[in-house]
C-alpha atoms as a PDB file:
ATOM      1  CA  MET A   1     136.882 133.398 135.116  1.00  0.00           C
ATOM      2  CA  MET A   2     137.137 129.597 134.182  1.00  0.00           C
ATOM      3  CA  HIS A   3     135.184 128.979 136.899  1.00  0.00           C
ATOM      4  CA  VAL A   4     132.483 131.065 136.122  1.00  0.00           C
ATOM      5  CA  LEU A   5     132.393 129.472 132.500  1.00  0.00           C
ATOM      6  CA  ALA A   6     132.586 126.243 133.675  1.00  0.00           C
ATOM      7  CA  THR A   7     129.402 127.288 135.744  1.00  0.00           C
ATOM      8  CA  VAL A   8     127.483 128.506 132.731  1.00  0.00           C
ATOM      9  CA  VAL A   9     128.465 125.330 130.660  1.00  0.00           C
ATOM     10  CA  GLY A  10     127.791 123.009 133.344  1.00  0.00           C
ATOM     11  CA  VAL A  11     123.803 124.392 133.920  1.00  0.00           C
ATOM     12  CA  SER A  12     123.587 124.349 129.983  1.00  0.00           C
ATOM     13  CA  LEU A  13     124.192 120.919 129.664  1.00  0.00           C
ATOM     14  CA  VAL A  14     122.117 119.879 133.021  1.00  0.00           C
ATOM     15  CA  GLY A  15     119.351 122.320 131.665  1.00  0.00           C
ATOM     16  CA  ALA A  16     119.285 120.550 127.877  1.00  0.00           C
ATOM     17  CA  VAL A  17     119.164 117.331 129.020  1.00  0.00           C
ATOM     18  CA  LEU A  18     116.148 117.659 131.453  1.00  0.00           C
ATOM     19  CA  ALA A  19     114.402 119.455 128.481  1.00  0.00           C
ATOM     20  CA  ASP A  20     115.542 116.270 126.045  1.00  0.00           C
ATOM     21  CA  LEU A  21     114.450 113.411 128.893  1.00  0.00           C
ATOM     22  CA  VAL A  22     110.942 115.277 129.115  1.00  0.00           C
ATOM     23  CA  ASN A  23     110.813 115.939 125.966  1.00  0.00           C
ATOM     24  CA  THR A  24     111.279 112.224 124.679  1.00  0.00           C
ATOM     25  CA  LEU A  25     109.808 110.528 127.678  1.00  0.00           C
ATOM     26  CA  VAL A  26     106.887 112.616 129.079  1.00  0.00           C
ATOM     27  CA  THR A  27     105.274 114.493 126.637  1.00  0.00           C
ATOM     28  CA  THR A  28     103.338 114.115 123.519  1.00  0.00           C
ATOM     29  CA  THR A  29     105.643 116.466 121.094  1.00  0.00           C
ATOM     30  CA  THR A  30     107.463 115.440 118.368  1.00  0.00           C
ATOM     31  CA  SER A  31     109.765 118.727 118.307  1.00  0.00           C
ATOM     32  CA  ASN A  32     113.381 118.638 119.667  1.00  0.00           C
ATOM     33  CA  GLY A  33     116.232 120.865 120.138  1.00  0.00           C
ATOM     34  CA  ARG A  34     118.756 121.231 117.716  1.00  0.00           C
ATOM     35  CA  PHE A  35     121.856 120.258 119.696  1.00  0.00           C
ATOM     36  CA  TRP A  36     119.875 117.643 122.252  1.00  0.00           C
ATOM     37  CA  LEU A  37     121.085 114.215 122.620  1.00  0.00           C
ATOM     38  CA  THR A  38     118.279 112.524 121.566  1.00  0.00           C
ATOM     39  CA  ARG A  39     118.208 114.447 117.712  1.00  0.00           C
ATOM     40  CA  ILE A  40     121.507 114.251 117.474  1.00  0.00           C
ATOM     41  CA  LEU A  41     122.180 110.514 118.942  1.00  0.00           C
ATOM     42  CA  TYR A  42     119.180 109.295 115.958  1.00  0.00           C
ATOM     43  CA  THR A  43     120.252 111.193 113.459  1.00  0.00           C
ATOM     44  CA  ARG A  44     123.725 110.633 113.315  1.00  0.00           C
ATOM     45  CA  THR A  45     123.819 107.018 114.329  1.00  0.00           C
ATOM     46  CA  TRP A  46     121.014 105.923 112.220  1.00  0.00           C
ATOM     47  CA  THR A  47     122.888 107.616 109.083  1.00  0.00           C
ATOM     48  CA  ILE A  48     125.655 105.004 109.724  1.00  0.00           C
ATOM     49  CA  VAL A  49     124.047 102.190 110.489  1.00  0.00           C
ATOM     50  CA  ARG A  50     121.842 102.172 107.384  1.00  0.00           C
ATOM     51  CA  ALA A  51     124.894 102.598 105.296  1.00  0.00           C
ATOM     52  CA  VAL A  52     125.993  99.838 106.415  1.00  0.00           C
ATOM     53  CA  GLY A  53     123.161  97.665 106.872  1.00  0.00           C
ATOM     54  CA  HIS A  54     122.883  98.630 102.586  1.00  0.00           C
ATOM     55  CA  ARG A  55     126.071  96.796 101.695  1.00  0.00           C
ATOM     56  CA  ILE A  56     124.760  93.661 103.863  1.00  0.00           C
ATOM     57  CA  ARG A  57     123.410  91.229 100.883  1.00  0.00           C
ATOM     58  CA  ASP A  58     122.372  88.817 102.449  1.00  0.00           C
ATOM     59  CA  ASP A  59     118.613  89.153 103.817  1.00  0.00           C
ATOM     60  CA  ASP A  60     118.440  87.097 106.932  1.00  0.00           C
ATOM     61  CA  ARG A  61     122.177  88.902 108.228  1.00  0.00           C
ATOM     62  CA  ARG A  62     121.206  92.836 107.255  1.00  0.00           C
ATOM     63  CA  GLU A  63     118.097  92.039 108.920  1.00  0.00           C
ATOM     64  CA  LYS A  64     119.535  91.036 112.128  1.00  0.00           C
ATOM     65  CA  PHE A  65     122.009  93.629 111.599  1.00  0.00           C
ATOM     66  CA  LEU A  66     119.153  96.662 111.420  1.00  0.00           C
ATOM     67  CA  SER A  67     117.272  94.625 114.289  1.00  0.00           C
ATOM     68  CA  THR A  68     119.439  95.318 116.695  1.00  0.00           C
ATOM     69  CA  TYR A  69     119.835  98.774 116.295  1.00  0.00           C
ATOM     70  CA  ALA A  70     115.933 100.342 118.021  1.00  0.00           C
ATOM     71  CA  PRO A  71     116.695  98.925 120.914  1.00  0.00           C
ATOM     72  CA  VAL A  72     120.549  99.297 121.730  1.00  0.00           C
ATOM     73  CA  SER A  73     120.224 102.861 120.586  1.00  0.00           C
ATOM     74  CA  VAL A  74     117.440 103.261 123.804  1.00  0.00           C
ATOM     75  CA  ILE A  75     120.368 101.958 125.900  1.00  0.00           C
ATOM     76  CA  ALA A  76     122.415 104.295 124.043  1.00  0.00           C
ATOM     77  CA  LEU A  77     120.578 107.313 124.637  1.00  0.00           C
ATOM     78  CA  LEU A  78     120.078 106.831 128.365  1.00  0.00           C
ATOM     79  CA  VAL A  79     124.026 106.501 128.886  1.00  0.00           C
ATOM     80  CA  ALA A  80     124.165 109.483 127.051  1.00  0.00           C
ATOM     81  CA  TRP A  81     121.320 111.424 129.024  1.00  0.00           C
ATOM     82  CA  VAL A  82     123.425 110.265 132.503  1.00  0.00           C
ATOM     83  CA  ALA A  83     126.797 111.067 131.424  1.00  0.00           C
ATOM     84  CA  GLN A  84     126.102 114.395 130.272  1.00  0.00           C
ATOM     85  CA  GLN A  85     123.690 114.799 133.255  1.00  0.00           C
ATOM     86  CA  ILE A  86     127.055 113.742 135.279  1.00  0.00           C
ATOM     87  CA  VAL A  87     129.424 116.052 133.503  1.00  0.00           C
ATOM     88  CA  GLY A  88     127.036 119.277 133.719  1.00  0.00           C
ATOM     89  CA  PHE A  89     127.144 118.917 137.518  1.00  0.00           C
ATOM     90  CA  GLY A  90     130.666 118.352 137.661  1.00  0.00           C
ATOM     91  CA  LEU A  91     131.148 121.892 135.798  1.00  0.00           C
ATOM     92  CA  ILE A  92     128.884 122.992 138.298  1.00  0.00           C
ATOM     93  CA  TRP A  93     130.640 121.959 141.205  1.00  0.00           C
ATOM     94  CA  TRP A  94     134.026 122.497 140.152  1.00  0.00           C
ATOM     95  CA  GLY A  95     132.989 126.411 138.674  1.00  0.00           C
ATOM     96  CA  MET A  96     131.491 126.892 142.276  1.00  0.00           C
ATOM     97  CA  GLY A  97     133.350 125.247 144.919  1.00  0.00           C
ATOM     98  CA  GLY A  98     132.557 124.446 148.140  1.00  0.00           C
ATOM     99  CA  LEU A  99     133.086 120.795 148.018  1.00  0.00           C
ATOM    100  CA  GLU A 100     135.078 119.541 151.239  1.00  0.00           C
ATOM    101  CA  GLY A 101     137.921 117.035 150.060  1.00  0.00           C
ATOM    102  CA  GLY A 102     138.015 117.874 146.086  1.00  0.00           C
ATOM    103  CA  LYS A 103     140.545 119.134 145.028  1.00  0.00           C
ATOM    104  CA  GLY A 104     140.066 119.722 141.199  1.00  0.00           C
ATOM    105  CA  LEU A 105     138.146 118.936 138.153  1.00  0.00           C
ATOM    106  CA  ALA A 106     138.127 115.136 138.353  1.00  0.00           C
ATOM    107  CA  ASP A 107     137.509 114.832 141.783  1.00  0.00           C
ATOM    108  CA  SER A 108     134.501 116.998 141.090  1.00  0.00           C
ATOM    109  CA  MET A 109     132.849 114.718 138.607  1.00  0.00           C
ATOM    110  CA  TYR A 110     133.528 111.773 140.762  1.00  0.00           C
ATOM    111  CA  TYR A 111     131.494 113.760 143.505  1.00  0.00           C
ATOM    112  CA  SER A 112     128.728 114.429 140.726  1.00  0.00           C
ATOM    113  CA  GLY A 113     128.307 110.841 139.870  1.00  0.00           C
ATOM    114  CA  VAL A 114     128.432 109.911 143.558  1.00  0.00           C
ATOM    115  CA  VAL A 115     125.567 111.780 144.132  1.00  0.00           C
ATOM    116  CA  PHE A 116     123.414 111.457 140.836  1.00  0.00           C
ATOM    117  CA  PHE A 117     123.471 107.638 141.521  1.00  0.00           C
ATOM    118  CA  THR A 118     123.018 108.650 145.481  1.00  0.00           C
ATOM    119  CA  LEU A 119     126.393 106.250 146.706  1.00  0.00           C
ATOM    120  CA  GLY A 120     126.746 108.301 149.238  1.00  0.00           C
ATOM    121  CA  PHE A 121     130.515 107.273 149.748  1.00  0.00           C
ATOM    122  CA  GLY A 122     131.152 110.756 152.203  1.00  0.00           C
ATOM    123  CA  GLU A 123     135.110 110.989 151.581  1.00  0.00           C
ATOM    124  CA  ILE A 124     133.658 114.425 149.206  1.00  0.00           C
ATOM    125  CA  VAL A 125     131.393 116.086 151.067  1.00  0.00           C
ATOM    126  CA  PRO A 126     129.454 119.731 150.586  1.00  0.00           C
ATOM    127  CA  GLY A 127     130.262 122.358 152.915  1.00  0.00           C
ATOM    128  CA  ASP A 128     128.176 125.108 152.424  1.00  0.00           C
ATOM    129  CA  ALA A 129     124.672 125.452 151.598  1.00  0.00           C
ATOM    130  CA  VAL A 130     124.142 126.389 147.985  1.00  0.00           C
ATOM    131  CA  PRO A 131     126.220 122.709 147.122  1.00  0.00           C
ATOM    132  CA  ARG A 132     124.135 121.370 149.391  1.00  0.00           C
ATOM    133  CA  ILE A 133     121.030 122.402 148.102  1.00  0.00           C
ATOM    134  CA  GLY A 134     122.613 121.367 144.574  1.00  0.00           C
ATOM    135  CA  ALA A 135     123.643 117.692 145.916  1.00  0.00           C
ATOM    136  CA  LEU A 136     119.613 117.211 146.615  1.00  0.00           C
ATOM    137  CA  VAL A 137     118.513 118.550 142.961  1.00  0.00           C
ATOM    138  CA  GLU A 138     121.606 116.420 141.380  1.00  0.00           C
ATOM    139  CA  ALA A 139     119.934 113.595 143.502  1.00  0.00           C
ATOM    140  CA  PHE A 140     116.932 114.376 142.572  1.00  0.00           C
ATOM    141  CA  ALA A 141     117.625 114.128 138.820  1.00  0.00           C
ATOM    142  CA  GLY A 142     119.120 110.752 139.170  1.00  0.00           C
ATOM    143  CA  VAL A 143     115.898 109.317 140.621  1.00  0.00           C
ATOM    144  CA  LEU A 144     113.822 110.876 138.192  1.00  0.00           C
ATOM    145  CA  THR A 145     115.604 110.120 134.741  1.00  0.00           C
ATOM    146  CA  THR A 146     115.354 106.039 136.489  1.00  0.00           C
ATOM    147  CA  ALA A 147     111.766 106.486 137.013  1.00  0.00           C
ATOM    148  CA  LEU A 148     111.020 107.503 134.223  1.00  0.00           C
ATOM    149  CA  VAL A 149     113.110 105.570 131.923  1.00  0.00           C
ATOM    150  CA  ILE A 150     111.401 102.359 134.031  1.00  0.00           C
ATOM    151  CA  GLY A 151     108.101 103.577 133.177  1.00  0.00           C
ATOM    152  CA  TYR A 152     108.844 104.223 129.701  1.00  0.00           C
ATOM    153  CA  LEU A 153     109.987 101.486 128.580  1.00  0.00           C
ATOM    154  CA  PRO A 154     107.463  98.921 129.397  1.00  0.00           C
ATOM    155  CA  ALA A 155     104.970 101.474 127.494  1.00  0.00           C
ATOM    156  CA  LEU A 156     107.401 101.831 124.403  1.00  0.00           C
ATOM    157  CA  TYR A 157     107.292  97.322 124.403  1.00  0.00           C
ATOM    158  CA  SER A 158     103.726  97.424 124.525  1.00  0.00           C
ATOM    159  CA  ALA A 159     103.199 100.070 121.428  1.00  0.00           C
ATOM    160  CA  TYR A 160     105.607  98.094 119.658  1.00  0.00           C
ATOM    161  CA  SER A 161     103.942  94.565 120.365  1.00  0.00           C
ATOM    162  CA  GLU A 162     100.616  96.057 119.514  1.00  0.00           C
ATOM    163  CA  ARG A 163     101.863  97.242 116.142  1.00  0.00           C
ATOM    164  CA  GLU A 164     103.668  93.865 115.289  1.00  0.00           C
ATOM    165  CA  GLN A 165     100.641  92.003 116.262  1.00  0.00           C
ATOM    166  CA  LYS A 166      98.477  93.134 113.539  1.00  0.00           C
ATOM    167  CA  LEU A 167     100.913  92.460 110.831  1.00  0.00           C
ATOM    168  CA  LEU A 168     101.089  89.028 111.346  1.00  0.00           C
ATOM    169  CA  THR A 169      97.362  88.625 110.259  1.00  0.00           C
ATOM    170  CA  LEU A 170      97.997  90.442 106.847  1.00  0.00           C
ATOM    171  CA  ASP A 171      97.924  87.510 104.462  1.00  0.00           C
ATOM    172  CA  ASP A 172      96.614  86.325 100.892  1.00  0.00           C
ATOM    173  CA  GLY A 173      96.923  82.617 101.449  1.00  0.00           C
ATOM    174  CA  THR A 174     100.552  82.746  98.690  1.00  0.00           C
ATOM    175  CA  GLU A 175     103.746  81.976  99.462  1.00  0.00           C
ATOM    176  CA  GLY A 176     105.232  85.091  97.727  1.00  0.00           C
ATOM    177  CA  ARG A 177     105.122  88.966  97.962  1.00  0.00           C
ATOM    178  CA  ILE A 178     101.646  90.017  98.859  1.00  0.00           C
ATOM    179  CA  THR A 179     100.114  92.091  96.107  1.00  0.00           C
ATOM    180  CA  PRO A 180      97.001  94.920  96.858  1.00  0.00           C
ATOM    181  CA  THR A 181      95.364  92.608  94.190  1.00  0.00           C
ATOM    182  CA  ASN A 182      95.865  89.585  95.641  1.00  0.00           C
ATOM    183  CA  LEU A 183      95.018  90.983  99.259  1.00  0.00           C
ATOM    184  CA  ILE A 184      91.707  91.813  98.774  1.00  0.00           C
ATOM    185  CA  LEU A 185      90.659  88.840  95.811  1.00  0.00           C
ATOM    186  CA  SER A 186      91.385  86.782  98.372  1.00  0.00           C
ATOM    187  CA  ARG A 187      89.527  88.949 100.960  1.00  0.00           C
ATOM    188  CA  ALA A 188      86.472  88.872  98.709  1.00  0.00           C
ATOM    189  CA  PRO A 189      86.236  85.983  97.254  1.00  0.00           C
ATOM    190  CA  THR A 190      82.759  86.690  95.777  1.00  0.00           C
ATOM    191  CA  GLY A 191      83.665  89.899  94.602  1.00  0.00           C
ATOM    192  CA  ASP A 192      81.309  91.484  97.003  1.00  0.00           C
ATOM    193  CA  PRO A 193      83.385  94.664  98.217  1.00  0.00           C
ATOM    194  CA  ARG A 194      81.101  95.176 101.504  1.00  0.00           C
ATOM    195  CA  THR A 195      83.055  92.085 102.406  1.00  0.00           C
ATOM    196  CA  LEU A 196      86.057  94.091 102.666  1.00  0.00           C
ATOM    197  CA  ASP A 197      84.762  97.209 105.274  1.00  0.00           C
ATOM    198  CA  ARG A 198      85.524  95.116 107.962  1.00  0.00           C
ATOM    199  CA  PHE A 199      89.358  94.850 107.298  1.00  0.00           C
ATOM    200  CA  PHE A 200      90.182  98.235 106.228  1.00  0.00           C
ATOM    201  CA  GLU A 201      87.889  99.449 109.140  1.00  0.00           C
ATOM    202  CA  GLU A 202      90.444  97.106 111.551  1.00  0.00           C
ATOM    203  CA  TRP A 203      93.378  98.522 109.519  1.00  0.00           C
ATOM    204  CA  GLU A 204      92.462 102.165 109.543  1.00  0.00           C
ATOM    205  CA  ALA A 205      92.231 101.807 114.356  1.00  0.00           C
ATOM    206  CA  TRP A 206      96.136  99.973 113.291  1.00  0.00           C
ATOM    207  CA  VAL A 207      97.107 102.969 111.390  1.00  0.00           C
ATOM    208  CA  ALA A 208      95.429 105.559 114.101  1.00  0.00           C
ATOM    209  CA  GLN A 209      97.144 103.770 116.943  1.00  0.00           C
ATOM    210  CA  VAL A 210     100.365 103.793 114.621  1.00  0.00           C
ATOM    211  CA  MET A 211      99.929 107.462 113.873  1.00  0.00           C
ATOM    212  CA  GLU A 212      99.496 108.256 118.151  1.00  0.00           C
ATOM    213  CA  THR A 213     102.488 105.711 119.283  1.00  0.00           C
ATOM    214  CA  HIS A 214     104.791 107.248 116.792  1.00  0.00           C
ATOM    215  CA  THR A 215     104.495 110.298 117.788  1.00  0.00           C
ATOM    216  CA  THR A 216     104.693 109.443 121.339  1.00  0.00           C
ATOM    217  CA  PHE A 217     107.438 107.443 120.712  1.00  0.00           C
ATOM    218  CA  PRO A 218     109.864 108.381 117.560  1.00  0.00           C
ATOM    219  CA  MET A 219     112.308 105.947 117.843  1.00  0.00           C
ATOM    220  CA  LEU A 220     109.480 103.089 117.638  1.00  0.00           C
ATOM    221  CA  SER A 221     109.477 103.639 113.708  1.00  0.00           C
ATOM    222  CA  LEU A 222     113.375 101.927 113.808  1.00  0.00           C
ATOM    223  CA  PHE A 223     111.938  99.366 115.193  1.00  0.00           C
ATOM    224  CA  ARG A 224     112.235  96.186 113.413  1.00  0.00           C
ATOM    225  CA  SER A 225     109.580  92.897 112.758  1.00  0.00           C
ATOM    226  CA  GLN A 226     110.869  89.833 113.821  1.00  0.00           C
ATOM    227  CA  HIS A 227     109.862  87.883 110.623  1.00  0.00           C
ATOM    228  CA  LEU A 228     111.863  88.237 107.237  1.00  0.00           C
ATOM    229  CA  GLY A 229     110.665  90.023 104.635  1.00  0.00           C
ATOM    230  CA  GLN A 230     107.564  91.873 106.791  1.00  0.00           C
ATOM    231  CA  HIS A 231     108.032  95.744 107.942  1.00  0.00           C
ATOM    232  CA  TRP A 232     105.785  97.832 109.782  1.00  0.00           C
ATOM    233  CA  ILE A 233     105.717 100.639 106.669  1.00  0.00           C
ATOM    234  CA  THR A 234     105.541  98.178 103.956  1.00  0.00           C
ATOM    235  CA  ALA A 235     102.570  97.117 105.660  1.00  0.00           C
ATOM    236  CA  LEU A 236     101.453 100.472 105.684  1.00  0.00           C
ATOM    237  CA  GLY A 237     101.815 100.759 101.699  1.00  0.00           C
ATOM    238  CA  LEU A 238     100.437  97.401 100.960  1.00  0.00           C
ATOM    239  CA  VAL A 239      97.099  98.154 102.833  1.00  0.00           C
ATOM    240  CA  THR A 240      96.860 101.927 101.923  1.00  0.00           C
ATOM    241  CA  ASP A 241      97.255 100.796  98.344  1.00  0.00           C
ATOM    242  CA  ALA A 242      94.579  98.105  98.504  1.00  0.00           C
ATOM    243  CA  ALA A 243      92.363 101.054  99.951  1.00  0.00           C
ATOM    244  CA  LEU A 244      93.334 103.017  96.440  1.00  0.00           C
ATOM    245  CA  HIS A 245      92.115 100.023  94.092  1.00  0.00           C
ATOM    246  CA  MET A 246      88.911  99.543  96.205  1.00  0.00           C
ATOM    247  CA  GLU A 247      88.644 103.482  95.010  1.00  0.00           C
ATOM    248  CA  MET A 248      87.765 102.262  91.719  1.00  0.00           C
ATOM    249  CA  ILE A 249      84.776  99.822  92.336  1.00  0.00           C
ATOM    250  CA  ASP A 250      81.859 101.638  91.844  1.00  0.00           C
ATOM    251  CA  GLY A 251      79.889 102.289  94.830  1.00  0.00           C
ATOM    252  CA  CYS A 252      82.886 102.185  97.495  1.00  0.00           C
ATOM    253  CA  ASP A 253      83.387 106.172  97.227  1.00  0.00           C
ATOM    254  CA  GLY A 254      83.104 107.220 100.971  1.00  0.00           C
ATOM    255  CA  ARG A 255      82.864 103.764 102.657  1.00  0.00           C
ATOM    256  CA  ALA A 256      85.990 102.160 104.625  1.00  0.00           C
ATOM    257  CA  PRO A 257      89.057 101.471 102.121  1.00  0.00           C
ATOM    258  CA  TYR A 258      88.301 105.889 101.621  1.00  0.00           C
ATOM    259  CA  TRP A 259      88.275 106.025 105.162  1.00  0.00           C
ATOM    260  CA  MET A 260      91.527 104.200 105.436  1.00  0.00           C
ATOM    261  CA  LEU A 261      92.615 105.637 102.564  1.00  0.00           C
ATOM    262  CA  ARG A 262      93.045 108.778 104.261  1.00  0.00           C
ATOM    263  CA  ARG A 263      94.561 108.001 107.622  1.00  0.00           C
ATOM    264  CA  SER A 264      97.086 106.636 105.972  1.00  0.00           C
ATOM    265  CA  VAL A 265      98.010 109.725 103.515  1.00  0.00           C
ATOM    266  CA  ARG A 266      97.392 111.862 106.763  1.00  0.00           C
ATOM    267  CA  LEU A 267     100.163 109.532 108.644  1.00  0.00           C
ATOM    268  CA  MET A 268     102.575 109.495 105.612  1.00  0.00           C
ATOM    269  CA  GLN A 269     102.350 113.469 105.481  1.00  0.00           C
ATOM    270  CA  GLN A 270     103.247 113.429 109.467  1.00  0.00           C
ATOM    271  CA  LEU A 271     106.296 111.103 109.177  1.00  0.00           C
ATOM    272  CA  THR A 272     107.415 112.987 106.222  1.00  0.00           C
ATOM    273  CA  SER A 273     107.103 116.771 107.253  1.00  0.00           C
ATOM    274  CA  GLY A 274     109.787 118.861 105.872  1.00  0.00           C
ATOM    275  CA  ALA A 275     111.435 116.414 103.828  1.00  0.00           C
ATOM    276  CA  ASP A 276     113.170 116.574 100.233  1.00  0.00           C
ATOM    277  CA  LEU A 277     110.498 114.469  97.779  1.00  0.00           C
ATOM    278  CA  SER A 278     112.553 115.481  94.741  1.00  0.00           C
ATOM    279  CA  SER A 279     114.358 113.010  94.190  1.00  0.00           C
ATOM    280  CA  HIS A 280     111.349 110.199  94.806  1.00  0.00           C
ATOM    281  CA  ARG A 281     108.891 111.870  93.173  1.00  0.00           C
ATOM    282  CA  ALA A 282     110.919 112.612  89.419  1.00  0.00           C
ATOM    283  CA  ALA A 283     111.899 108.404  89.551  1.00  0.00           C
ATOM    284  CA  LEU A 284     107.935 107.543  90.673  1.00  0.00           C
ATOM    285  CA  ASP A 285     106.555 110.084  87.478  1.00  0.00           C
ATOM    286  CA  ALA A 286     108.948 108.498  85.073  1.00  0.00           C
ATOM    287  CA  ASP A 287     108.657 104.712  85.986  1.00  0.00           C
ATOM    288  CA  PHE A 288     104.904 104.867  85.525  1.00  0.00           C
ATOM    289  CA  ASP A 289     103.715 102.484  83.562  1.00  0.00           C
ATOM    290  CA  GLU A 290      99.679 102.379  82.511  1.00  0.00           C
ATOM    291  CA  ARG A 291      99.421  98.663  81.407  1.00  0.00           C
ATOM    292  CA  VAL A 292     100.286  97.879  85.292  1.00  0.00           C
ATOM    293  CA  PHE A 293      97.375 100.086  86.232  1.00  0.00           C
ATOM    294  CA  ARG A 294      94.966  98.100  83.265  1.00  0.00           C
ATOM    295  CA  ASP A 295      96.272  94.432  84.520  1.00  0.00           C
ATOM    296  CA  LEU A 296      95.632  95.122  87.733  1.00  0.00           C
ATOM    297  CA  TYR A 297      91.941  96.840  87.188  1.00  0.00           C
ATOM    298  CA  ASP A 298      91.362  93.767  84.236  1.00  0.00           C
ATOM    299  CA  SER A 299      91.721  91.583  87.689  1.00  0.00           C
ATOM    300  CA  MET A 300      89.572  92.961  89.360  1.00  0.00           C
ATOM    301  CA  ASP A 301      87.186  93.338  86.867  1.00  0.00           C
ATOM    302  CA  ASP A 302      87.175  89.699  85.760  1.00  0.00           C
ATOM    303  CA  HIS A 303      86.583  88.761  89.637  1.00  0.00           C
ATOM    304  CA  GLY A 304      83.849  90.221  89.585  1.00  0.00           C
ATOM    305  CA  PHE A 305      83.854  93.734  91.116  1.00  0.00           C
ATOM    306  CA  PRO A 306      81.381  96.344  89.981  1.00  0.00           C
ATOM    307  CA  MET A 307      84.300  98.351  88.569  1.00  0.00           C
ATOM    308  CA  LYS A 308      84.029 102.432  87.562  1.00  0.00           C
ATOM    309  CA  PRO A 309      84.486 103.280  83.988  1.00  0.00           C
ATOM    310  CA  TYR A 310      88.388 102.508  82.740  1.00  0.00           C
ATOM    311  CA  ALA A 311      89.345 106.086  82.193  1.00  0.00           C
ATOM    312  CA  GLU A 312      87.543 107.567  85.514  1.00  0.00           C
ATOM    313  CA  ALA A 313      89.372 105.284  87.509  1.00  0.00           C
ATOM    314  CA  LEU A 314      92.708 105.500  86.040  1.00  0.00           C
ATOM    315  CA  ALA A 315      92.334 109.282  86.634  1.00  0.00           C
ATOM    316  CA  GLN A 316      91.279 108.727  90.514  1.00  0.00           C
ATOM    317  CA  GLY A 317      93.792 106.063  90.762  1.00  0.00           C
ATOM    318  CA  ARG A 318      96.772 108.529  89.932  1.00  0.00           C
ATOM    319  CA  ASP A 319      95.566 111.887  91.596  1.00  0.00           C
ATOM    320  CA  LEU A 320      95.440 109.721  94.721  1.00  0.00           C
ATOM    321  CA  ARG A 321      98.552 107.160  94.653  1.00  0.00           C
ATOM    322  CA  ARG A 322     100.493 110.946  93.819  1.00  0.00           C
ATOM    323  CA  ARG A 323      98.921 111.900  97.371  1.00  0.00           C
ATOM    324  CA  TYR A 324     101.520 109.601  98.872  1.00  0.00           C
ATOM    325  CA  ASP A 325     103.277 107.279  96.550  1.00  0.00           C
ATOM    326  CA  ALA A 326     106.815 109.917  97.117  1.00  0.00           C
ATOM    327  CA  ARG A 327     106.291 109.953 100.742  1.00  0.00           C
ATOM    328  CA  LEU A 328     106.075 106.071 101.298  1.00  0.00           C
ATOM    329  CA  GLU A 329     108.864 105.388  98.777  1.00  0.00           C
ATOM    330  CA  TYR A 330     110.893 108.147 101.325  1.00  0.00           C
ATOM    331  CA  LEU A 331     110.169 106.101 104.074  1.00  0.00           C
ATOM    332  CA  ILE A 332     110.922 102.839 102.955  1.00  0.00           C
ATOM    333  CA  ASP A 333     114.344 103.765 101.941  1.00  0.00           C
ATOM    334  CA  LEU A 334     115.077 106.035 105.059  1.00  0.00           C
ATOM    335  CA  LEU A 335     114.007 102.907 107.107  1.00  0.00           C
ATOM    336  CA  GLU A 336     115.548 100.613 105.254  1.00  0.00           C
ATOM    337  CA  ALA A 337     112.343  98.419 104.924  1.00  0.00           C
ATOM    338  CA  PRO A 338     112.587  95.384 102.602  1.00  0.00           C
ATOM    339  CA  ARG A 339     111.030  95.645  99.009  1.00  0.00           C
ATOM    340  CA  GLY A 340     107.385  94.606  99.352  1.00  0.00           C
ATOM    341  CA  PHE A 341     105.879  92.434 102.043  1.00  0.00           C
ATOM    342  CA  TRP A 342     105.969  88.603 102.536  1.00  0.00           C
ATOM    343  CA  GLY A 343     102.937  86.859 104.360  1.00  0.00           C
ATOM    344  CA  HIS A 344     104.361  83.588 107.087  1.00  0.00           C
ATOM    345  CA  SER A 345     105.828  81.088 104.323  1.00  0.00           C
ATOM    346  CA  ILE A 346     104.159  77.664 105.696  1.00  0.00           C
ATOM    347  CA  GLY A 347     105.277  75.344 103.341  1.00  0.00           C
ATOM    348  CA  HIS A 348     102.212  75.317 101.108  1.00  0.00           C
ATOM    349  CA  SER A 349      99.291  77.637 100.275  1.00  0.00           C
ATOM    350  CA  ILE A 350      96.131  76.594 102.665  1.00  0.00           C
ATOM    351  CA  GLY A 351      94.226  80.233 101.767  1.00  0.00           C
ATOM    352  CA  PRO A 352      91.268  80.722  99.323  1.00  0.00           C
ATOM    353  CA  ALA A 353      92.232  80.449  95.418  1.00  0.00           C
ATOM    354  CA  VAL A 354      92.269  83.368  93.872  1.00  0.00           C
ATOM    355  CA  GLY A 355      90.640  84.085  90.605  1.00  0.00           C
ATOM    356  CA  ARG A 356      87.898  84.859  89.272  1.00  0.00           C
ATOM    357  CA  ALA A 357      84.397  84.596  90.923  1.00  0.00           C
ATOM    358  CA  PRO A 358      82.258  81.874  90.584  1.00  0.00           C
ATOM    359  CA  ALA A 359      79.161  82.223  88.270  1.00  0.00           C
ATOM    360  CA  ASP A 360      75.841  82.499  89.545  1.00  0.00           C
END
């Protein structure tokens, strides 16, 4: 009876890990089983690492600590996949028997490891037809796992590199935290909203790229920027808020900022599917201050942008931001991202002055 149970458990372990491996490295879906290693590893370990990182007060130390998690987790996931397959096949060999030179469970586990890594020492060999076929299956599983991981890592880091390259261009010419308003004013020094179309078109393409790669490589969201004060989720929030500000400008409806905003909202909806946003929603509703909105409206008006009537801009702005603000705050907290986005510190400002557009 024990041998039959061991065989059933072994088959279940091998089947589950192969399904998890193929789902993670081959398919482009985000579905995963409740007891698959990928889900267990990332949900459990990131919760612990995030809690520890939250207690580190020094920004530089915290970022260095958190940045080690994603690459280490990829290695840990590979080790877990391999270990589960070896244990699963080991239980199958012990349950089925038919190994010459193997006397117990420990020998079956050792034999499983030898076959998986195709070492072929030969002191334990399959004596019957079924174990011989099974040995070929396990050896193939080992080769398949290695091949998939080798092909997966370059694609993962290529997607990371493409995502981060765009962040290096996000700058408003100042030394502090970049605000959506300053970003708009610095990119349109003459107050002409048409000069910003290309900027938002490029960021719309970036959002689409993030949506595709973070669906294919879910763990990519945990890879952090190499630069202090920068994170892909806060960059997304910054540019999305800037696109929202552009909706206050008369004549910008349906132009590049609008499409950028649509892509961003869709991405945040996808990343927070099934999440409980109630606490973030309540906090944002309680903290709303119309004076802040009025200040940014006046800043853009003073800069020379043709603004919509204030009441219309306020109603539209509140409605649009409510579609994503709680989702954005949830993601910032979940990823333990820095608050705000800072450009590269270069010692002094060399960018265009941010202020009122020159008179004609």
